[in-house]
Amino acid sequence: MKPFAYERATDAAGAVAAVARRPGAVFLAGGTNLVDNLRLEIAGPDVLVDVSRVLDSEIEELPGGGLRIGAGMRNADLAADMRVRSRYPALAQALLSGASGQLRNLATTGGNLLQRTRCSYFRDPATPCNKREPGSGCSALEGHTRHHAILGASEHCVAIHPSDMAVAMLAFDAVVRVEGPGGARELALADLHRLPGDEPQRDVTLEHGELIVGVDLPALPIAARSAYRKVRDRASYAFALVSVAAAVELGDDGDSMADVRIACGGLAHKPWRATIAEAQLRGGPATEAAFHAAAHAELSEAQPLRDNAFKVPMATGALVATLRELTAP
């Protein structure tokens, strides 16, 4: 592990200032991803600024029934909160399917959103990786690609974003609250993560020194009828091959889709909002044929690699099964 200095922040403003003035400084909260990267010498910051004691770790009620989640909230506590379980069940399910119980007790809301988009080649310093060393090449393109992206990738990177929590939050139009050198701002979660393009080393749109301090879940009645489905190689502590977070509102007749929200994981460099499928389903019949057609429309631009063409039928099946579950009488 490369040597680094350590500072413990006493407030958010001080933490932001401490990181912003030094290009080699980073924030440390739960550390479940960062510490791994330090051990592997993938990350080599000069300074760790500990924000674990300054970030809010509570849930606040918002007008109309929404929730404001502190960035320091532990994943285990968030999943167990009855307001989350009743109003946003897909989020609770997503949190419980992510990592081990021990890691959920340590991982934070803000840290979960900022974990690196990565693959096995990123974690192997002996192989070229454009995320570690821009311009060095992408080993995955000619390597093992079972877990890699089929949507939104580029010739520079085909890694997938690993968060389960972010997929569910994306389906619920979450808003990220940020404090930085230029003051406080808010941005849609959909705008937080990036597709790789020609800068795969940049996972998020935040500027250096900007700190996530909270996430707002808007009041969204449709979210109460939601579910998260994760398909993976083993039942515990595995990233998704494919995942689906969906919420539905049936029409008055019970046979049509008045509204629908869908987000997917395991398919792209960022959590993927299935806007094409949503548009095709909204206002139409709540039938299995319609679900299949919407899934095919969403995945029509998929570009599978050598080892992961199975993700197209797998994602179709996961989406259809989730919608079937949510629309059952």
C-alpha atoms as a PDB file:
ATOM      1  CA  MET A   1       0.000   0.000   0.000  1.00  0.00           C
ATOM      2  CA  LYS A   2       1.306   3.434  -0.920  1.00  0.00           C
ATOM      3  CA  PRO A   3       1.863   5.842   2.001  1.00  0.00           C
ATOM      4  CA  PHE A   4      -0.773   8.518   2.572  1.00  0.00           C
ATOM      5  CA  ALA A   5      -1.671  11.164   5.134  1.00  0.00           C
ATOM      6  CA  TYR A   6      -4.900  10.968   7.121  1.00  0.00           C
ATOM      7  CA  GLU A   7      -7.150  13.768   8.372  1.00  0.00           C
ATOM      8  CA  ARG A   8     -10.448  13.596  10.226  1.00  0.00           C
ATOM      9  CA  ALA A   9     -12.881  16.303   9.183  1.00  0.00           C
ATOM     10  CA  THR A  10     -15.026  18.040  11.794  1.00  0.00           C
ATOM     11  CA  ASP A  11     -17.672  19.364   9.403  1.00  0.00           C
ATOM     12  CA  ALA A  12     -18.662  19.062   5.756  1.00  0.00           C
ATOM     13  CA  ALA A  13     -17.351  22.491   4.781  1.00  0.00           C
ATOM     14  CA  GLY A  14     -13.947  21.702   6.269  1.00  0.00           C
ATOM     15  CA  ALA A  15     -13.853  18.346   4.483  1.00  0.00           C
ATOM     16  CA  VAL A  16     -14.657  19.965   1.148  1.00  0.00           C
ATOM     17  CA  ALA A  17     -11.960  22.591   1.641  1.00  0.00           C
ATOM     18  CA  ALA A  18      -9.392  19.983   2.685  1.00  0.00           C
ATOM     19  CA  VAL A  19      -9.923  17.905  -0.464  1.00  0.00           C
ATOM     20  CA  ALA A  20     -10.458  20.764  -2.905  1.00  0.00           C
ATOM     21  CA  ARG A  21      -7.123  22.418  -2.211  1.00  0.00           C
ATOM     22  CA  ARG A  22      -5.105  19.223  -2.853  1.00  0.00           C
ATOM     23  CA  PRO A  23      -5.373  17.320  -6.163  1.00  0.00           C
ATOM     24  CA  GLY A  24      -4.240  14.093  -4.465  1.00  0.00           C
ATOM     25  CA  ALA A  25      -6.815  14.153  -1.637  1.00  0.00           C
ATOM     26  CA  VAL A  26      -9.952  11.986  -1.492  1.00  0.00           C
ATOM     27  CA  PHE A  27     -12.871  11.505   0.879  1.00  0.00           C
ATOM     28  CA  LEU A  28     -13.120   8.418   3.101  1.00  0.00           C
ATOM     29  CA  ALA A  29     -16.443   7.246   4.569  1.00  0.00           C
ATOM     30  CA  GLY A  30     -17.167   3.522   4.988  1.00  0.00           C
ATOM     31  CA  GLY A  31     -14.190   2.695   2.775  1.00  0.00           C
ATOM     32  CA  THR A  32     -15.526  -0.647   1.538  1.00  0.00           C
ATOM     33  CA  ASN A  33     -14.422   0.057  -2.049  1.00  0.00           C
ATOM     34  CA  LEU A  34     -11.624   2.574  -1.478  1.00  0.00           C
ATOM     35  CA  VAL A  35      -9.720   0.440   1.034  1.00  0.00           C
ATOM     36  CA  ASP A  36      -9.717  -2.508  -1.392  1.00  0.00           C
ATOM     37  CA  ASN A  37      -8.269  -0.264  -4.087  1.00  0.00           C
ATOM     38  CA  LEU A  38      -5.629   1.038  -1.671  1.00  0.00           C
ATOM     39  CA  ARG A  39      -4.553  -2.511  -0.832  1.00  0.00           C
ATOM     40  CA  LEU A  40      -4.304  -3.402  -4.511  1.00  0.00           C
ATOM     41  CA  GLU A  41      -2.414  -0.140  -5.160  1.00  0.00           C
ATOM     42  CA  ILE A  42      -5.031   0.778  -7.754  1.00  0.00           C
ATOM     43  CA  ALA A  43      -5.727   3.948  -5.812  1.00  0.00           C
ATOM     44  CA  GLY A  44      -2.849   6.041  -4.515  1.00  0.00           C
ATOM     45  CA  PRO A  45      -4.144   9.242  -2.903  1.00  0.00           C
ATOM     46  CA  ASP A  46      -1.814  11.530  -0.994  1.00  0.00           C
ATOM     47  CA  VAL A  47      -4.406  12.329   1.681  1.00  0.00           C
ATOM     48  CA  LEU A  48      -7.507  10.594   3.029  1.00  0.00           C
ATOM     49  CA  VAL A  49     -10.025  13.008   4.524  1.00  0.00           C
ATOM     50  CA  ASP A  50     -12.309  11.047   6.837  1.00  0.00           C
ATOM     51  CA  VAL A  51     -15.919  12.255   6.616  1.00  0.00           C
ATOM     52  CA  SER A  52     -17.511   9.325   8.454  1.00  0.00           C
ATOM     53  CA  ARG A  53     -18.316  11.471  11.511  1.00  0.00           C
ATOM     54  CA  VAL A  54     -19.596  14.545   9.698  1.00  0.00           C
ATOM     55  CA  LEU A  55     -22.093  13.052   7.250  1.00  0.00           C
ATOM     56  CA  ASP A  56     -25.713  12.798   8.335  1.00  0.00           C
ATOM     57  CA  SER A  57     -26.719   9.195   8.993  1.00  0.00           C
ATOM     58  CA  GLU A  58     -30.464   9.742   9.462  1.00  0.00           C
ATOM     59  CA  ILE A  59     -33.609   9.772   7.339  1.00  0.00           C
ATOM     60  CA  GLU A  60     -35.714  12.937   7.255  1.00  0.00           C
ATOM     61  CA  GLU A  61     -39.322  13.202   6.115  1.00  0.00           C
ATOM     62  CA  LEU A  62     -39.896  15.499   3.146  1.00  0.00           C
ATOM     63  CA  PRO A  63     -43.175  17.283   2.389  1.00  0.00           C
ATOM     64  CA  GLY A  64     -45.643  15.026   0.629  1.00  0.00           C
ATOM     65  CA  GLY A  65     -44.109  11.762   1.732  1.00  0.00           C
ATOM     66  CA  GLY A  66     -40.609  11.808   0.241  1.00  0.00           C
ATOM     67  CA  LEU A  67     -37.466  10.928   2.191  1.00  0.00           C
ATOM     68  CA  ARG A  68     -34.104  12.666   2.609  1.00  0.00           C
ATOM     69  CA  ILE A  69     -31.359  10.117   3.259  1.00  0.00           C
ATOM     70  CA  GLY A  70     -28.114  11.258   4.835  1.00  0.00           C
ATOM     71  CA  ALA A  71     -25.023  10.269   2.864  1.00  0.00           C
ATOM     72  CA  GLY A  72     -23.572   8.630   5.985  1.00  0.00           C
ATOM     73  CA  MET A  73     -26.540   6.268   6.388  1.00  0.00           C
ATOM     74  CA  ARG A  74     -25.364   2.657   6.509  1.00  0.00           C
ATOM     75  CA  ASN A  75     -26.822   0.344   3.866  1.00  0.00           C
ATOM     76  CA  ALA A  76     -28.063  -2.122   6.498  1.00  0.00           C
ATOM     77  CA  ASP A  77     -29.927   0.603   8.402  1.00  0.00           C
ATOM     78  CA  LEU A  78     -31.437   2.019   5.223  1.00  0.00           C
ATOM     79  CA  ALA A  79     -32.724  -1.398   4.156  1.00  0.00           C
ATOM     80  CA  ALA A  80     -34.273  -1.982   7.578  1.00  0.00           C
ATOM     81  CA  ASP A  81     -36.119   1.343   7.820  1.00  0.00           C
ATOM     82  CA  MET A  82     -39.877   0.743   7.703  1.00  0.00           C
ATOM     83  CA  ARG A  83     -40.498   3.889   5.651  1.00  0.00           C
ATOM     84  CA  VAL A  84     -38.161   2.626   2.953  1.00  0.00           C
ATOM     85  CA  ARG A  85     -39.590  -0.885   3.088  1.00  0.00           C
ATOM     86  CA  SER A  86     -43.180   0.315   2.748  1.00  0.00           C
ATOM     87  CA  ARG A  87     -42.808   3.290   0.364  1.00  0.00           C
ATOM     88  CA  TYR A  88     -39.861   2.097  -1.763  1.00  0.00           C
ATOM     89  CA  PRO A  89     -39.700  -1.707  -1.392  1.00  0.00           C
ATOM     90  CA  ALA A  90     -37.474  -2.181  -4.438  1.00  0.00           C
ATOM     91  CA  LEU A  91     -34.804  -0.069  -2.727  1.00  0.00           C
ATOM     92  CA  ALA A  92     -34.861  -2.206   0.418  1.00  0.00           C
ATOM     93  CA  GLN A  93     -34.662  -5.361  -1.704  1.00  0.00           C
ATOM     94  CA  ALA A  94     -31.773  -3.955  -3.736  1.00  0.00           C
ATOM     95  CA  LEU A  95     -29.808  -3.061  -0.612  1.00  0.00           C
ATOM     96  CA  LEU A  96     -30.297  -6.513   0.876  1.00  0.00           C
ATOM     97  CA  SER A  97     -29.062  -8.158  -2.321  1.00  0.00           C
ATOM     98  CA  GLY A  98     -25.865  -6.130  -2.369  1.00  0.00           C
ATOM     99  CA  ALA A  99     -22.691  -7.495  -0.772  1.00  0.00           C
ATOM    100  CA  SER A 100     -22.523  -9.317   2.551  1.00  0.00           C
ATOM    101  CA  GLY A 101     -24.205  -8.404   5.819  1.00  0.00           C
ATOM    102  CA  GLN A 102     -20.883  -7.278   7.239  1.00  0.00           C
ATOM    103  CA  LEU A 103     -20.260  -4.901   4.346  1.00  0.00           C
ATOM    104  CA  ARG A 104     -23.804  -3.531   4.486  1.00  0.00           C
ATOM    105  CA  ASN A 105     -23.147  -2.636   8.128  1.00  0.00           C
ATOM    106  CA  LEU A 106     -20.211  -0.498   7.011  1.00  0.00           C
ATOM    107  CA  ALA A 107     -21.057   0.814   3.529  1.00  0.00           C
ATOM    108  CA  THR A 108     -22.707   4.244   3.301  1.00  0.00           C
ATOM    109  CA  THR A 109     -25.275   5.712   0.943  1.00  0.00           C
ATOM    110  CA  GLY A 110     -22.852   8.246  -0.507  1.00  0.00           C
ATOM    111  CA  GLY A 111     -20.025   5.755  -0.818  1.00  0.00           C
ATOM    112  CA  ASN A 112     -22.252   3.202  -2.519  1.00  0.00           C
ATOM    113  CA  LEU A 113     -23.095   5.713  -5.242  1.00  0.00           C
ATOM    114  CA  LEU A 114     -19.416   6.572  -5.720  1.00  0.00           C
ATOM    115  CA  GLN A 115     -17.927   3.080  -5.858  1.00  0.00           C
ATOM    116  CA  ARG A 116     -15.803   2.567  -8.939  1.00  0.00           C
ATOM    117  CA  THR A 117     -17.249   1.094 -12.110  1.00  0.00           C
ATOM    118  CA  ARG A 118     -14.884  -1.812 -12.547  1.00  0.00           C
ATOM    119  CA  CYS A 119     -14.086  -5.306 -13.745  1.00  0.00           C
ATOM    120  CA  SER A 120     -11.469  -7.966 -12.971  1.00  0.00           C
ATOM    121  CA  TYR A 121      -8.942  -6.297 -15.270  1.00  0.00           C
ATOM    122  CA  PHE A 122      -9.291  -3.005 -13.406  1.00  0.00           C
ATOM    123  CA  ARG A 123      -8.366  -4.888 -10.232  1.00  0.00           C
ATOM    124  CA  ASP A 124      -5.295  -6.501 -11.815  1.00  0.00           C
ATOM    125  CA  PRO A 125      -2.426  -3.994 -12.068  1.00  0.00           C
ATOM    126  CA  ALA A 126      -0.549  -6.395 -14.367  1.00  0.00           C
ATOM    127  CA  THR A 127      -3.049  -5.865 -17.195  1.00  0.00           C
ATOM    128  CA  PRO A 128      -3.720  -2.752 -19.306  1.00  0.00           C
ATOM    129  CA  CYS A 129      -6.813  -0.812 -18.229  1.00  0.00           C
ATOM    130  CA  ASN A 130      -7.936   2.586 -19.447  1.00  0.00           C
ATOM    131  CA  LYS A 131      -9.708   3.257 -16.140  1.00  0.00           C
ATOM    132  CA  ARG A 132      -6.450   2.857 -14.206  1.00  0.00           C
ATOM    133  CA  GLU A 133      -4.109   4.237 -16.861  1.00  0.00           C
ATOM    134  CA  PRO A 134      -5.856   6.252 -19.571  1.00  0.00           C
ATOM    135  CA  GLY A 135      -4.521   5.307 -22.993  1.00  0.00           C
ATOM    136  CA  SER A 136      -3.102   1.944 -21.936  1.00  0.00           C
ATOM    137  CA  GLY A 137      -5.897  -0.077 -23.548  1.00  0.00           C
ATOM    138  CA  CYS A 138      -8.842  -2.219 -22.453  1.00  0.00           C
ATOM    139  CA  SER A 139      -7.886  -5.816 -21.686  1.00  0.00           C
ATOM    140  CA  ALA A 140     -11.519  -6.891 -21.493  1.00  0.00           C
ATOM    141  CA  LEU A 141     -12.139  -6.326 -25.210  1.00  0.00           C
ATOM    142  CA  GLU A 142     -10.101  -9.408 -26.089  1.00  0.00           C
ATOM    143  CA  GLY A 143     -10.463 -11.107 -22.722  1.00  0.00           C
ATOM    144  CA  HIS A 144     -13.102 -12.591 -20.477  1.00  0.00           C
ATOM    145  CA  THR A 145     -16.285 -10.579 -21.001  1.00  0.00           C
ATOM    146  CA  ARG A 146     -19.006 -12.557 -19.228  1.00  0.00           C
ATOM    147  CA  HIS A 147     -19.812  -9.754 -16.770  1.00  0.00           C
ATOM    148  CA  HIS A 148     -19.324  -6.792 -19.070  1.00  0.00           C
ATOM    149  CA  ALA A 149     -21.535  -4.141 -20.661  1.00  0.00           C
ATOM    150  CA  ILE A 150     -23.870  -4.642 -23.589  1.00  0.00           C
ATOM    151  CA  LEU A 151     -25.264  -1.074 -23.641  1.00  0.00           C
ATOM    152  CA  GLY A 152     -23.537   2.306 -23.703  1.00  0.00           C
ATOM    153  CA  ALA A 153     -19.983   0.953 -23.795  1.00  0.00           C
ATOM    154  CA  SER A 154     -17.090   2.282 -25.865  1.00  0.00           C
ATOM    155  CA  GLU A 155     -13.861   0.995 -27.344  1.00  0.00           C
ATOM    156  CA  HIS A 156     -12.126   2.377 -24.259  1.00  0.00           C
ATOM    157  CA  CYS A 157     -14.094   0.537 -21.544  1.00  0.00           C
ATOM    158  CA  VAL A 158     -16.790  -2.138 -21.236  1.00  0.00           C
ATOM    159  CA  ALA A 159     -16.983  -2.395 -17.438  1.00  0.00           C
ATOM    160  CA  ILE A 160     -20.334  -2.265 -15.607  1.00  0.00           C
ATOM    161  CA  HIS A 161     -21.434  -0.246 -12.616  1.00  0.00           C
ATOM    162  CA  PRO A 162     -21.806  -2.612  -9.625  1.00  0.00           C
ATOM    163  CA  SER A 163     -24.314  -0.819  -7.359  1.00  0.00           C
ATOM    164  CA  ASP A 164     -27.692  -2.412  -6.640  1.00  0.00           C
ATOM    165  CA  MET A 165     -28.860   0.549  -4.563  1.00  0.00           C
ATOM    166  CA  ALA A 166     -28.245   3.038  -7.375  1.00  0.00           C
ATOM    167  CA  VAL A 167     -30.414   1.046  -9.798  1.00  0.00           C
ATOM    168  CA  ALA A 168     -33.432   1.208  -7.485  1.00  0.00           C
ATOM    169  CA  MET A 169     -32.844   4.885  -6.671  1.00  0.00           C
ATOM    170  CA  LEU A 170     -32.629   5.670 -10.390  1.00  0.00           C
ATOM    171  CA  ALA A 171     -36.053   4.118 -10.979  1.00  0.00           C
ATOM    172  CA  PHE A 172     -37.427   6.433  -8.277  1.00  0.00           C
ATOM    173  CA  ASP A 173     -35.944   9.657  -9.752  1.00  0.00           C
ATOM    174  CA  ALA A 174     -33.628  10.208  -6.792  1.00  0.00           C
ATOM    175  CA  VAL A 175     -31.891  13.568  -6.430  1.00  0.00           C
ATOM    176  CA  VAL A 176     -28.315  13.801  -5.122  1.00  0.00           C
ATOM    177  CA  ARG A 177     -27.388  16.665  -2.790  1.00  0.00           C
ATOM    178  CA  VAL A 178     -23.805  17.856  -3.091  1.00  0.00           C
ATOM    179  CA  GLU A 179     -21.575  20.365  -1.309  1.00  0.00           C
ATOM    180  CA  GLY A 180     -18.467  21.626  -3.028  1.00  0.00           C
ATOM    181  CA  PRO A 181     -16.024  24.530  -3.324  1.00  0.00           C
ATOM    182  CA  GLY A 182     -18.659  26.444  -5.277  1.00  0.00           C
ATOM    183  CA  GLY A 183     -21.404  25.836  -2.719  1.00  0.00           C
ATOM    184  CA  ALA A 184     -24.341  23.451  -2.508  1.00  0.00           C
ATOM    185  CA  ARG A 185     -26.165  22.018  -5.509  1.00  0.00           C
ATOM    186  CA  GLU A 186     -28.522  19.229  -6.461  1.00  0.00           C
ATOM    187  CA  LEU A 187     -28.450  16.945  -9.475  1.00  0.00           C
ATOM    188  CA  ALA A 188     -30.601  14.092 -10.663  1.00  0.00           C
ATOM    189  CA  LEU A 189     -29.096  10.698  -9.934  1.00  0.00           C
ATOM    190  CA  ALA A 190     -29.483  10.007 -13.657  1.00  0.00           C
ATOM    191  CA  ASP A 191     -26.873  12.740 -14.228  1.00  0.00           C
ATOM    192  CA  LEU A 192     -24.388  11.567 -11.592  1.00  0.00           C
ATOM    193  CA  HIS A 193     -22.829   8.605 -13.396  1.00  0.00           C
ATOM    194  CA  ARG A 194     -21.171   8.696 -16.830  1.00  0.00           C
ATOM    195  CA  LEU A 195     -20.921   6.400 -19.801  1.00  0.00           C
ATOM    196  CA  PRO A 196     -17.244   5.757 -20.597  1.00  0.00           C
ATOM    197  CA  GLY A 197     -16.845   7.555 -23.930  1.00  0.00           C
ATOM    198  CA  ASP A 198     -13.171   8.408 -24.349  1.00  0.00           C
ATOM    199  CA  GLU A 199     -12.698   9.202 -20.623  1.00  0.00           C
ATOM    200  CA  PRO A 200     -13.456   5.916 -18.832  1.00  0.00           C
ATOM    201  CA  GLN A 201     -11.359   6.994 -15.842  1.00  0.00           C
ATOM    202  CA  ARG A 202     -14.184   9.414 -14.916  1.00  0.00           C
ATOM    203  CA  ASP A 203     -17.032   7.473 -13.317  1.00  0.00           C
ATOM    204  CA  VAL A 204     -19.099  10.467 -12.183  1.00  0.00           C
ATOM    205  CA  THR A 205     -19.782  14.062 -13.132  1.00  0.00           C
ATOM    206  CA  LEU A 206     -18.722  15.503  -9.751  1.00  0.00           C
ATOM    207  CA  GLU A 207     -15.813  17.910  -9.672  1.00  0.00           C
ATOM    208  CA  HIS A 208     -12.820  17.402  -7.408  1.00  0.00           C
ATOM    209  CA  GLY A 209     -13.734  18.411  -3.869  1.00  0.00           C
ATOM    210  CA  GLU A 210     -17.478  17.892  -4.265  1.00  0.00           C
ATOM    211  CA  LEU A 211     -18.997  15.762  -1.516  1.00  0.00           C
ATOM    212  CA  ILE A 212     -22.328  13.920  -1.604  1.00  0.00           C
ATOM    213  CA  VAL A 213     -24.167  14.875   1.591  1.00  0.00           C
ATOM    214  CA  GLY A 214     -27.544  13.288   0.962  1.00  0.00           C
ATOM    215  CA  VAL A 215     -30.044  11.735  -1.422  1.00  0.00           C
ATOM    216  CA  ASP A 216     -33.678  12.787  -1.772  1.00  0.00           C
ATOM    217  CA  LEU A 217     -36.321  10.269  -2.763  1.00  0.00           C
ATOM    218  CA  PRO A 218     -39.318  12.217  -4.089  1.00  0.00           C
ATOM    219  CA  ALA A 219     -42.836  11.384  -3.004  1.00  0.00           C
ATOM    220  CA  LEU A 220     -43.755   8.757  -5.565  1.00  0.00           C
ATOM    221  CA  PRO A 221     -46.891   6.712  -4.889  1.00  0.00           C
ATOM    222  CA  ILE A 222     -46.025   4.309  -7.715  1.00  0.00           C
ATOM    223  CA  ALA A 223     -42.892   3.258  -5.795  1.00  0.00           C
ATOM    224  CA  ALA A 224     -44.964   1.382  -3.203  1.00  0.00           C
ATOM    225  CA  ARG A 225     -45.716  -1.223  -5.889  1.00  0.00           C
ATOM    226  CA  SER A 226     -42.144  -1.996  -6.836  1.00  0.00           C
ATOM    227  CA  ALA A 227     -39.668  -4.869  -6.828  1.00  0.00           C
ATOM    228  CA  TYR A 228     -35.983  -5.543  -7.448  1.00  0.00           C
ATOM    229  CA  ARG A 229     -34.774  -8.690  -9.193  1.00  0.00           C
ATOM    230  CA  LYS A 230     -31.103  -9.633  -9.336  1.00  0.00           C
ATOM    231  CA  VAL A 231     -29.639 -12.453 -11.444  1.00  0.00           C
ATOM    232  CA  ARG A 232     -26.131 -13.467 -10.418  1.00  0.00           C
ATOM    233  CA  ASP A 233     -23.713 -16.380 -10.476  1.00  0.00           C
ATOM    234  CA  ARG A 234     -24.122 -17.138  -6.781  1.00  0.00           C
ATOM    235  CA  ALA A 235     -26.619 -16.156  -4.124  1.00  0.00           C
ATOM    236  CA  SER A 236     -24.282 -14.171  -1.870  1.00  0.00           C
ATOM    237  CA  TYR A 237     -21.871 -11.314  -2.463  1.00  0.00           C
ATOM    238  CA  ALA A 238     -21.855 -11.313  -6.269  1.00  0.00           C
ATOM    239  CA  PHE A 239     -22.382  -8.452  -8.682  1.00  0.00           C
ATOM    240  CA  ALA A 240     -25.413  -8.662 -10.923  1.00  0.00           C
ATOM    241  CA  LEU A 241     -25.201 -10.246 -14.332  1.00  0.00           C
ATOM    242  CA  VAL A 242     -28.533  -8.500 -14.838  1.00  0.00           C
ATOM    243  CA  SER A 243     -30.807  -6.660 -12.422  1.00  0.00           C
ATOM    244  CA  VAL A 244     -34.146  -4.893 -12.740  1.00  0.00           C
ATOM    245  CA  ALA A 245     -35.872  -2.357 -10.499  1.00  0.00           C
ATOM    246  CA  ALA A 246     -39.451  -1.713 -11.574  1.00  0.00           C
ATOM    247  CA  ALA A 247     -42.537   0.046 -10.250  1.00  0.00           C
ATOM    248  CA  VAL A 248     -46.004  -0.014 -11.777  1.00  0.00           C
ATOM    249  CA  GLU A 249     -49.331   1.742 -11.459  1.00  0.00           C
ATOM    250  CA  LEU A 250     -52.234  -0.114 -13.019  1.00  0.00           C
ATOM    251  CA  GLY A 251     -55.132   1.655 -14.677  1.00  0.00           C
ATOM    252  CA  ASP A 252     -58.607   1.708 -13.164  1.00  0.00           C
ATOM    253  CA  ASP A 253     -59.493  -1.378 -15.186  1.00  0.00           C
ATOM    254  CA  GLY A 254     -56.606  -3.318 -13.617  1.00  0.00           C
ATOM    255  CA  ASP A 255     -55.473  -4.487 -17.064  1.00  0.00           C
ATOM    256  CA  SER A 256     -53.491  -1.506 -18.335  1.00  0.00           C
ATOM    257  CA  MET A 257     -50.264   0.269 -17.341  1.00  0.00           C
ATOM    258  CA  ALA A 258     -51.119   3.764 -16.156  1.00  0.00           C
ATOM    259  CA  ASP A 259     -47.475   4.366 -15.284  1.00  0.00           C
ATOM    260  CA  VAL A 260     -44.245   2.375 -15.054  1.00  0.00           C
ATOM    261  CA  ARG A 261     -40.652   3.012 -13.928  1.00  0.00           C
ATOM    262  CA  ILE A 262     -37.777   0.691 -14.895  1.00  0.00           C
ATOM    263  CA  ALA A 263     -34.029   0.757 -14.282  1.00  0.00           C
ATOM    264  CA  CYS A 264     -31.484  -1.970 -14.970  1.00  0.00           C
ATOM    265  CA  GLY A 265     -28.114  -2.991 -13.615  1.00  0.00           C
ATOM    266  CA  GLY A 266     -25.394  -5.232 -15.031  1.00  0.00           C
ATOM    267  CA  LEU A 267     -25.889  -3.861 -18.540  1.00  0.00           C
ATOM    268  CA  ALA A 268     -23.861  -0.662 -18.744  1.00  0.00           C
ATOM    269  CA  HIS A 269     -21.101   1.523 -17.328  1.00  0.00           C
ATOM    270  CA  LYS A 270     -23.800   3.317 -15.296  1.00  0.00           C
ATOM    271  CA  PRO A 271     -27.203   2.326 -13.900  1.00  0.00           C
ATOM    272  CA  TRP A 272     -29.444   2.179 -16.963  1.00  0.00           C
ATOM    273  CA  ARG A 273     -32.877   3.847 -17.061  1.00  0.00           C
ATOM    274  CA  ALA A 274     -35.087   1.887 -19.474  1.00  0.00           C
ATOM    275  CA  THR A 275     -36.864   4.899 -20.943  1.00  0.00           C
ATOM    276  CA  ILE A 276     -37.683   3.171 -24.240  1.00  0.00           C
ATOM    277  CA  ALA A 277     -39.414   0.286 -22.464  1.00  0.00           C
ATOM    278  CA  GLU A 278     -41.233   2.704 -20.162  1.00  0.00           C
ATOM    279  CA  ALA A 279     -42.575   4.761 -23.051  1.00  0.00           C
ATOM    280  CA  GLN A 280     -43.767   1.671 -24.892  1.00  0.00           C
ATOM    281  CA  LEU A 281     -45.540   0.244 -21.853  1.00  0.00           C
ATOM    282  CA  ARG A 282     -47.099   3.420 -20.452  1.00  0.00           C
ATOM    283  CA  GLY A 283     -50.805   3.490 -21.258  1.00  0.00           C
ATOM    284  CA  GLY A 284     -50.735   0.060 -22.906  1.00  0.00           C
ATOM    285  CA  PRO A 285     -51.955  -3.381 -21.860  1.00  0.00           C
ATOM    286  CA  ALA A 286     -50.426  -5.130 -18.856  1.00  0.00           C
ATOM    287  CA  THR A 287     -49.764  -8.347 -20.760  1.00  0.00           C
ATOM    288  CA  GLU A 288     -46.764 -10.617 -21.064  1.00  0.00           C
ATOM    289  CA  ALA A 289     -46.640  -9.962 -24.801  1.00  0.00           C
ATOM    290  CA  ALA A 290     -46.404  -6.221 -24.129  1.00  0.00           C
ATOM    291  CA  PHE A 291     -43.658  -6.782 -21.546  1.00  0.00           C
ATOM    292  CA  HIS A 292     -41.632  -8.840 -24.050  1.00  0.00           C
ATOM    293  CA  ALA A 293     -42.081  -6.232 -26.770  1.00  0.00           C
ATOM    294  CA  ALA A 294     -40.945  -3.427 -24.448  1.00  0.00           C
ATOM    295  CA  ALA A 295     -37.876  -5.383 -23.359  1.00  0.00           C
ATOM    296  CA  HIS A 296     -36.929  -6.122 -26.961  1.00  0.00           C
ATOM    297  CA  ALA A 297     -37.307  -2.440 -27.840  1.00  0.00           C
ATOM    298  CA  GLU A 298     -35.059  -1.388 -24.952  1.00  0.00           C
ATOM    299  CA  LEU A 299     -32.382  -3.928 -25.849  1.00  0.00           C
ATOM    300  CA  SER A 300     -32.511  -3.417 -29.611  1.00  0.00           C
ATOM    301  CA  GLU A 301     -29.253  -1.418 -29.528  1.00  0.00           C
ATOM    302  CA  ALA A 302     -27.388  -3.932 -27.346  1.00  0.00           C
ATOM    303  CA  GLN A 303     -23.901  -4.839 -28.546  1.00  0.00           C
ATOM    304  CA  PRO A 304     -22.900  -8.049 -26.756  1.00  0.00           C
ATOM    305  CA  LEU A 305     -19.292  -9.108 -26.549  1.00  0.00           C
ATOM    306  CA  ARG A 306     -17.923 -12.594 -27.143  1.00  0.00           C
ATOM    307  CA  ASP A 307     -18.946 -14.065 -23.781  1.00  0.00           C
ATOM    308  CA  ASN A 308     -22.096 -12.150 -22.797  1.00  0.00           C
ATOM    309  CA  ALA A 309     -24.707 -12.414 -25.563  1.00  0.00           C
ATOM    310  CA  PHE A 310     -26.761 -14.339 -22.979  1.00  0.00           C
ATOM    311  CA  LYS A 311     -27.422 -11.035 -21.205  1.00  0.00           C
ATOM    312  CA  VAL A 312     -29.967 -10.005 -23.842  1.00  0.00           C
ATOM    313  CA  PRO A 313     -32.403 -12.895 -23.216  1.00  0.00           C
ATOM    314  CA  MET A 314     -31.542 -12.822 -19.505  1.00  0.00           C
ATOM    315  CA  ALA A 315     -32.420  -9.127 -19.209  1.00  0.00           C
ATOM    316  CA  THR A 316     -35.591  -9.718 -21.198  1.00  0.00           C
ATOM    317  CA  GLY A 317     -36.596 -12.560 -18.901  1.00  0.00           C
ATOM    318  CA  ALA A 318     -35.796 -10.604 -15.746  1.00  0.00           C
ATOM    319  CA  LEU A 319     -37.809  -7.595 -16.890  1.00  0.00           C
ATOM    320  CA  VAL A 320     -40.797  -9.690 -17.974  1.00  0.00           C
ATOM    321  CA  ALA A 321     -40.753 -11.684 -14.730  1.00  0.00           C
ATOM    322  CA  THR A 322     -40.584  -8.534 -12.592  1.00  0.00           C
ATOM    323  CA  LEU A 323     -43.449  -6.850 -14.418  1.00  0.00           C
ATOM    324  CA  ARG A 324     -45.500 -10.055 -14.303  1.00  0.00           C
ATOM    325  CA  GLU A 325     -45.014 -10.182 -10.540  1.00  0.00           C
ATOM    326  CA  LEU A 326     -46.012  -6.548 -10.076  1.00  0.00           C
ATOM    327  CA  THR A 327     -49.115  -6.741 -12.259  1.00  0.00           C
ATOM    328  CA  ALA A 328     -50.447 -10.035 -10.916  1.00  0.00           C
ATOM    329  CA  PRO A 329     -53.929  -9.803  -9.320  1.00  0.00           C
END
